[in-house]
Amino acid sequence: MSSTMSNPTSTDNASTASQAAAGISLRKILMFDAITCVAMGLLLISTSGLLSELLGLPRDFVLLAGVALFPCAALMLLTSRIGTQAQPPAALVWLIIIGNAGWVIASLLTMELWFSPTTLGMVFILAQAAAVVVLAVLEYRSLRQALK
């Protein structure tokens, strides 16, 4: 293979993801984050008994995690709607990004320190934490772009 040929790298993938995120407005990302919070909250609340058994987590914990998502969704919705025409208030977006990071940390603590979930529980916790990381990264990148 010639040294002038380039191979796809993870940097290329990150660049592509960054370009895709640049095409999505911060307001839309925040709105999507709010919708996912409401959906997850409804899921956790409406199926807390079943999920408790399947995931190996206390029912009240699952229920309260679901309830906690509604104020988060409200903040995200509010933030997506206010601010200047160009962008939502940066301070509130930072609060959301930090809150998302806190949710991920709490998810890992739930799995490793506080409880002993089933294998399905660990998969569920890791999958939702990964989704929250993606949203936090998209929000951060979009905010950074808006502040340039």
Protein backbone atom coordinates (compact mmCIF):
# COMPACT_ATOMS: atom_id res chain seq x y z
CA MET A 1 0.00 0.00 0.00
CA SER A 2 1.30 3.43 -0.90
CA SER A 3 2.18 5.79 1.91
CA THR A 4 0.14 8.48 0.14
CA MET A 5 -3.08 6.52 0.54
CA SER A 6 -5.08 7.33 3.64
CA ASN A 7 -7.09 4.89 5.70
CA PRO A 8 -10.30 5.81 7.50
CA THR A 9 -9.63 6.50 11.15
CA SER A 10 -11.62 7.18 14.26
CA THR A 11 -10.71 10.85 13.73
CA ASP A 12 -12.57 10.71 10.41
CA ASN A 13 -15.59 9.20 12.15
CA ALA A 14 -15.51 11.87 14.87
CA SER A 15 -15.24 14.55 12.21
CA THR A 16 -18.22 13.11 10.35
CA ALA A 17 -20.25 12.99 13.58
CA SER A 18 -19.24 16.56 14.35
CA GLN A 19 -20.32 17.71 10.88
CA ALA A 20 -23.65 15.91 11.28
CA ALA A 21 -24.17 17.53 14.69
CA ALA A 22 -23.37 20.91 13.17
CA GLY A 23 -26.42 20.52 10.93
CA ILE A 24 -28.74 20.00 13.91
CA SER A 25 -29.63 23.06 15.92
CA LEU A 26 -28.98 23.18 19.63
CA ARG A 27 -32.68 23.85 20.17
CA LYS A 28 -33.58 20.63 18.34
CA ILE A 29 -31.03 18.61 20.32
CA LEU A 30 -32.44 20.00 23.57
CA MET A 31 -35.98 19.23 22.42
CA PHE A 32 -34.98 15.67 21.52
CA ASP A 33 -33.30 15.29 24.92
CA ALA A 34 -36.53 16.48 26.59
CA ILE A 35 -38.62 14.02 24.58
CA THR A 36 -36.33 11.13 25.49
CA CYS A 37 -36.54 12.12 29.18
CA VAL A 38 -40.33 12.08 29.08
CA ALA A 39 -40.38 8.76 27.22
CA MET A 40 -37.94 7.14 29.63
CA GLY A 41 -39.75 8.64 32.62
CA LEU A 42 -43.06 7.22 31.42
CA LEU A 43 -41.46 3.83 30.79
CA LEU A 44 -39.84 3.69 34.23
CA ILE A 45 -42.97 4.83 36.06
CA SER A 46 -45.49 2.71 34.16
CA THR A 47 -43.43 -0.49 34.33
CA SER A 48 -41.50 0.02 37.57
CA GLY A 49 -42.65 -3.30 39.06
CA LEU A 50 -41.76 -5.34 36.00
CA LEU A 51 -38.50 -3.48 35.39
CA SER A 52 -37.56 -3.89 39.03
CA GLU A 53 -37.73 -7.66 38.68
CA LEU A 54 -36.05 -7.81 35.27
CA LEU A 55 -33.27 -5.34 36.07
CA GLY A 56 -32.61 -6.37 39.67
CA LEU A 57 -33.21 -2.85 41.01
CA PRO A 58 -35.54 -1.77 43.83
CA ARG A 59 -39.01 -0.79 42.57
CA ASP A 60 -38.97 2.55 44.40
CA PHE A 61 -35.60 3.40 42.87
CA VAL A 62 -36.88 2.70 39.34
CA LEU A 63 -40.05 4.70 40.07
CA LEU A 64 -38.16 7.69 41.50
CA ALA A 65 -35.66 7.66 38.62
CA GLY A 66 -38.63 7.96 36.27
CA VAL A 67 -40.18 10.79 38.28
CA ALA A 68 -36.84 12.63 38.37
CA LEU A 69 -36.76 12.79 34.59
CA PHE A 70 -39.81 15.08 34.32
CA PRO A 71 -38.20 18.20 35.86
CA CYS A 72 -35.14 17.52 33.69
CA ALA A 73 -37.36 17.38 30.60
CA ALA A 74 -39.09 20.61 31.66
CA LEU A 75 -35.75 22.41 31.97
CA MET A 76 -34.66 21.12 28.57
CA LEU A 77 -37.93 22.18 26.97
CA LEU A 78 -37.79 25.61 28.60
CA THR A 79 -34.16 26.08 27.56
CA SER A 80 -34.94 25.08 23.98
CA ARG A 81 -37.65 27.76 23.84
CA ILE A 82 -36.01 30.80 25.46
CA GLY A 83 -32.97 32.92 24.79
CA THR A 84 -31.98 34.91 21.79
CA GLN A 85 -33.05 34.03 18.28
CA ALA A 86 -29.57 32.63 17.67
CA GLN A 87 -29.26 30.34 20.68
CA PRO A 88 -30.66 29.26 24.04
CA PRO A 89 -29.05 30.68 27.21
CA ALA A 90 -25.56 29.17 27.54
CA ALA A 91 -25.79 28.92 31.34
CA LEU A 92 -28.89 26.73 31.13
CA VAL A 93 -27.35 24.59 28.40
CA TRP A 94 -24.30 24.08 30.61
CA LEU A 95 -26.60 23.08 33.47
CA ILE A 96 -28.20 20.47 31.20
CA ILE A 97 -24.82 19.16 30.03
CA ILE A 98 -23.60 18.88 33.63
CA GLY A 99 -26.89 17.26 34.64
CA ASN A 100 -26.50 14.70 31.87
CA ALA A 101 -22.96 13.96 33.07
CA GLY A 102 -24.33 13.55 36.59
CA TRP A 103 -26.98 11.12 35.32
CA VAL A 104 -24.26 9.02 33.66
CA ILE A 105 -22.15 8.99 36.84
CA ALA A 106 -25.21 8.06 38.92
CA SER A 107 -25.99 5.29 36.44
CA LEU A 108 -22.52 3.82 36.87
CA LEU A 109 -22.74 4.14 40.65
CA THR A 110 -26.13 2.42 40.54
CA MET A 111 -24.56 -0.48 38.75
CA GLU A 112 -21.27 -0.71 40.61
CA LEU A 113 -21.81 0.55 44.16
CA TRP A 114 -25.42 0.97 45.17
CA PHE A 115 -27.13 -2.13 43.79
CA SER A 116 -26.39 -5.47 42.14
CA PRO A 117 -28.44 -5.45 38.95
CA THR A 118 -29.02 -8.50 36.77
CA THR A 119 -27.11 -8.86 33.52
CA LEU A 120 -30.10 -7.35 31.73
CA GLY A 121 -30.05 -4.56 34.30
CA MET A 122 -26.41 -3.81 33.54
CA VAL A 123 -27.11 -3.76 29.79
CA PHE A 124 -30.11 -1.47 30.33
CA ILE A 125 -28.12 0.90 32.57
CA LEU A 126 -25.16 1.04 30.19
CA ALA A 127 -27.36 1.54 27.12
CA GLN A 128 -29.28 4.45 28.61
CA ALA A 129 -26.06 5.97 29.99
CA ALA A 130 -24.47 5.73 26.53
CA ALA A 131 -27.49 7.49 25.00
CA VAL A 132 -27.19 10.27 27.58
CA VAL A 133 -23.46 10.64 26.83
CA VAL A 134 -24.25 11.04 23.13
CA LEU A 135 -26.82 13.74 23.90
CA ALA A 136 -24.44 15.56 26.24
CA VAL A 137 -21.69 15.52 23.60
CA LEU A 138 -24.06 16.78 20.92
CA GLU A 139 -25.25 19.57 23.24
CA TYR A 140 -21.68 20.51 24.12
CA ARG A 141 -20.51 20.56 20.51
CA SER A 142 -23.55 22.52 19.39
CA LEU A 143 -23.12 25.05 22.21
CA ARG A 144 -19.41 25.41 21.43
CA GLN A 145 -20.26 26.01 17.77
CA ALA A 146 -22.93 28.58 18.69
CA LEU A 147 -20.49 30.49 20.90
CA LYS A 148 -17.87 30.85 18.15
